[in-house]
Amino acid sequence: MTTYLLDTNAILRFLLKDINSQAEEVRVYLKKAEEGAILLRITSVVVAEAVYVLFKLYGATRKDIYQKLGP
């Protein structure tokens, strides 16, 4: 099975949908992973960076971030 490593940009584009073409590309990969066709991995550093960017640059609340990235 093919494994892909998601980076912070991929997560942010998908959550923010500010660059539609990139958000759609990430959505396709997430759908393939959901179907079991591929495996996606995300490191803890990427999650931490995404939290930082959402909080500091986009003004998201902790609750919003948890709802988007939490379990």
N, C-alpha and C. Protein backbone atom coordinates (compact mmCIF):
# COMPACT_ATOMS: atom_id res chain seq x y z
N MET A 1 0.84 -1.18 0.00
CA MET A 1 0.00 0.00 0.00
C MET A 1 0.89 1.25 0.00
N THR A 2 0.49 2.21 -0.77
CA THR A 2 1.24 3.46 -0.87
C THR A 2 0.94 4.34 0.35
N THR A 3 2.01 4.90 0.92
CA THR A 3 1.88 5.78 2.08
C THR A 3 2.30 7.18 1.70
N TYR A 4 1.51 8.16 2.11
CA TYR A 4 1.81 9.57 1.87
C TYR A 4 1.93 10.28 3.21
N LEU A 5 2.83 11.23 3.27
CA LEU A 5 3.03 12.04 4.46
C LEU A 5 2.44 13.42 4.19
N LEU A 6 1.40 13.78 4.94
CA LEU A 6 0.78 15.08 4.76
C LEU A 6 1.62 16.15 5.45
N ASP A 7 1.72 17.30 4.81
CA ASP A 7 2.44 18.42 5.42
C ASP A 7 1.43 19.45 5.93
N THR A 8 1.96 20.47 6.59
CA THR A 8 1.11 21.50 7.18
C THR A 8 0.29 22.22 6.12
N ASN A 9 0.90 22.51 4.99
CA ASN A 9 0.18 23.20 3.94
C ASN A 9 -1.04 22.42 3.50
N ALA A 10 -0.91 21.13 3.35
CA ALA A 10 -2.05 20.30 2.93
C ALA A 10 -3.18 20.38 3.94
N ILE A 11 -2.85 20.29 5.21
CA ILE A 11 -3.88 20.36 6.25
C ILE A 11 -4.55 21.73 6.25
N LEU A 12 -3.76 22.78 6.19
CA LEU A 12 -4.33 24.13 6.21
C LEU A 12 -5.18 24.41 4.99
N ARG A 13 -4.73 24.01 3.80
CA ARG A 13 -5.52 24.26 2.60
C ARG A 13 -6.86 23.54 2.67
N PHE A 14 -6.85 22.31 3.21
CA PHE A 14 -8.09 21.55 3.33
C PHE A 14 -9.03 22.20 4.34
N LEU A 15 -8.52 22.60 5.48
CA LEU A 15 -9.37 23.19 6.52
C LEU A 15 -9.87 24.58 6.15
N LEU A 16 -9.00 25.38 5.56
CA LEU A 16 -9.35 26.77 5.26
C LEU A 16 -10.05 26.93 3.92
N LYS A 17 -9.81 26.00 3.02
CA LYS A 17 -10.38 26.05 1.67
C LYS A 17 -10.13 27.41 1.00
N ASP A 18 -8.96 27.97 1.26
CA ASP A 18 -8.61 29.27 0.69
C ASP A 18 -7.98 29.16 -0.70
N ILE A 19 -7.48 27.98 -1.01
CA ILE A 19 -7.00 27.69 -2.37
C ILE A 19 -7.76 26.44 -2.81
N ASN A 20 -8.84 26.66 -3.53
CA ASN A 20 -9.78 25.59 -3.84
C ASN A 20 -9.14 24.39 -4.52
N SER A 21 -8.24 24.62 -5.45
CA SER A 21 -7.63 23.50 -6.18
C SER A 21 -6.82 22.61 -5.24
N GLN A 22 -6.09 23.22 -4.31
CA GLN A 22 -5.31 22.44 -3.35
C GLN A 22 -6.20 21.74 -2.34
N ALA A 23 -7.26 22.42 -1.88
CA ALA A 23 -8.20 21.81 -0.94
C ALA A 23 -8.84 20.58 -1.57
N GLU A 24 -9.19 20.68 -2.83
CA GLU A 24 -9.82 19.55 -3.54
C GLU A 24 -8.84 18.39 -3.70
N GLU A 25 -7.60 18.70 -4.00
CA GLU A 25 -6.59 17.65 -4.14
C GLU A 25 -6.40 16.89 -2.82
N VAL A 26 -6.36 17.61 -1.72
CA VAL A 26 -6.23 16.97 -0.41
C VAL A 26 -7.48 16.14 -0.12
N ARG A 27 -8.66 16.66 -0.47
CA ARG A 27 -9.90 15.92 -0.25
C ARG A 27 -9.87 14.58 -0.97
N VAL A 28 -9.33 14.57 -2.18
CA VAL A 28 -9.23 13.32 -2.95
C VAL A 28 -8.34 12.32 -2.21
N TYR A 29 -7.22 12.77 -1.69
CA TYR A 29 -6.32 11.87 -0.95
C TYR A 29 -7.00 11.36 0.32
N LEU A 30 -7.72 12.24 1.02
CA LEU A 30 -8.43 11.81 2.24
C LEU A 30 -9.49 10.77 1.92
N LYS A 31 -10.18 10.94 0.82
CA LYS A 31 -11.20 9.98 0.40
C LYS A 31 -10.56 8.63 0.08
N LYS A 32 -9.43 8.65 -0.62
CA LYS A 32 -8.72 7.40 -0.94
C LYS A 32 -8.27 6.71 0.34
N ALA A 33 -7.81 7.48 1.31
CA ALA A 33 -7.38 6.90 2.58
C ALA A 33 -8.57 6.30 3.32
N GLU A 34 -9.69 6.99 3.29
CA GLU A 34 -10.90 6.49 3.93
C GLU A 34 -11.35 5.17 3.31
N GLU A 35 -11.16 5.04 2.02
CA GLU A 35 -11.53 3.81 1.30
C GLU A 35 -10.50 2.69 1.49
N GLY A 36 -9.36 3.02 2.08
CA GLY A 36 -8.33 2.03 2.32
C GLY A 36 -7.38 1.82 1.16
N ALA A 37 -7.45 2.70 0.16
CA ALA A 37 -6.60 2.56 -1.02
C ALA A 37 -5.18 3.03 -0.77
N ILE A 38 -5.03 4.01 0.12
CA ILE A 38 -3.71 4.55 0.47
C ILE A 38 -3.66 4.75 1.98
N LEU A 39 -2.47 5.02 2.48
CA LEU A 39 -2.28 5.31 3.90
C LEU A 39 -1.71 6.72 4.01
N LEU A 40 -2.31 7.55 4.86
CA LEU A 40 -1.82 8.90 5.11
C LEU A 40 -1.24 8.98 6.50
N ARG A 41 -0.12 9.65 6.61
CA ARG A 41 0.52 9.86 7.91
C ARG A 41 0.70 11.35 8.14
N ILE A 42 0.59 11.75 9.40
CA ILE A 42 0.79 13.14 9.80
C ILE A 42 1.65 13.11 11.05
N THR A 43 2.74 13.86 11.04
CA THR A 43 3.61 13.89 12.21
C THR A 43 3.07 14.86 13.25
N SER A 44 3.51 14.69 14.48
CA SER A 44 3.09 15.58 15.56
C SER A 44 3.60 17.01 15.32
N VAL A 45 4.73 17.15 14.66
CA VAL A 45 5.26 18.48 14.34
C VAL A 45 4.33 19.20 13.38
N VAL A 46 3.79 18.49 12.41
CA VAL A 46 2.86 19.08 11.45
C VAL A 46 1.59 19.53 12.16
N VAL A 47 1.09 18.71 13.06
CA VAL A 47 -0.12 19.08 13.81
C VAL A 47 0.16 20.32 14.65
N ALA A 48 1.30 20.36 15.32
CA ALA A 48 1.66 21.51 16.15
C ALA A 48 1.77 22.78 15.30
N GLU A 49 2.37 22.66 14.15
CA GLU A 49 2.51 23.81 13.26
C GLU A 49 1.15 24.29 12.76
N ALA A 50 0.28 23.37 12.43
CA ALA A 50 -1.07 23.73 11.97
C ALA A 50 -1.83 24.44 13.08
N VAL A 51 -1.72 23.96 14.30
CA VAL A 51 -2.37 24.61 15.45
C VAL A 51 -1.84 26.02 15.61
N TYR A 52 -0.54 26.18 15.55
CA TYR A 52 0.08 27.49 15.71
C TYR A 52 -0.42 28.47 14.64
N VAL A 53 -0.42 28.03 13.40
CA VAL A 53 -0.84 28.91 12.30
C VAL A 53 -2.32 29.26 12.44
N LEU A 54 -3.15 28.29 12.74
CA LEU A 54 -4.58 28.58 12.90
C LEU A 54 -4.84 29.55 14.05
N PHE A 55 -4.11 29.38 15.13
CA PHE A 55 -4.30 30.22 16.32
C PHE A 55 -3.71 31.61 16.14
N LYS A 56 -2.46 31.68 15.75
CA LYS A 56 -1.75 32.97 15.68
C LYS A 56 -2.08 33.78 14.43
N LEU A 57 -2.13 33.14 13.28
CA LEU A 57 -2.31 33.88 12.04
C LEU A 57 -3.78 34.04 11.62
N TYR A 58 -4.60 33.03 11.94
CA TYR A 58 -5.99 33.08 11.52
C TYR A 58 -6.96 33.40 12.66
N GLY A 59 -6.45 33.50 13.87
CA GLY A 59 -7.28 33.88 15.01
C GLY A 59 -8.31 32.85 15.42
N ALA A 60 -8.10 31.59 15.07
CA ALA A 60 -9.04 30.55 15.47
C ALA A 60 -8.96 30.34 16.98
N THR A 61 -10.09 30.02 17.57
CA THR A 61 -10.11 29.75 19.00
C THR A 61 -9.62 28.33 19.26
N ARG A 62 -9.27 28.05 20.49
CA ARG A 62 -8.83 26.70 20.84
C ARG A 62 -9.94 25.69 20.57
N LYS A 63 -11.17 26.08 20.87
CA LYS A 63 -12.31 25.20 20.64
C LYS A 63 -12.45 24.89 19.15
N ASP A 64 -12.34 25.91 18.29
CA ASP A 64 -12.43 25.70 16.85
C ASP A 64 -11.33 24.76 16.35
N ILE A 65 -10.14 24.98 16.85
CA ILE A 65 -9.00 24.14 16.42
C ILE A 65 -9.22 22.69 16.86
N TYR A 66 -9.68 22.52 18.08
CA TYR A 66 -9.93 21.16 18.58
C TYR A 66 -11.00 20.48 17.73
N GLN A 67 -12.05 21.20 17.39
CA GLN A 67 -13.12 20.62 16.59
C GLN A 67 -12.63 20.22 15.19
N LYS A 68 -11.71 20.97 14.65
CA LYS A 68 -11.19 20.68 13.30
C LYS A 68 -10.11 19.59 13.31
N LEU A 69 -9.28 19.58 14.35
CA LEU A 69 -8.14 18.66 14.37
C LEU A 69 -8.25 17.55 15.40
N GLY A 70 -9.16 17.69 16.35
CA GLY A 70 -9.28 16.72 17.44
C GLY A 70 -9.80 15.38 16.98
N PRO A 71 -9.90 14.45 17.93
CA PRO A 71 -10.37 13.09 17.60
C PRO A 71 -11.79 13.04 17.07
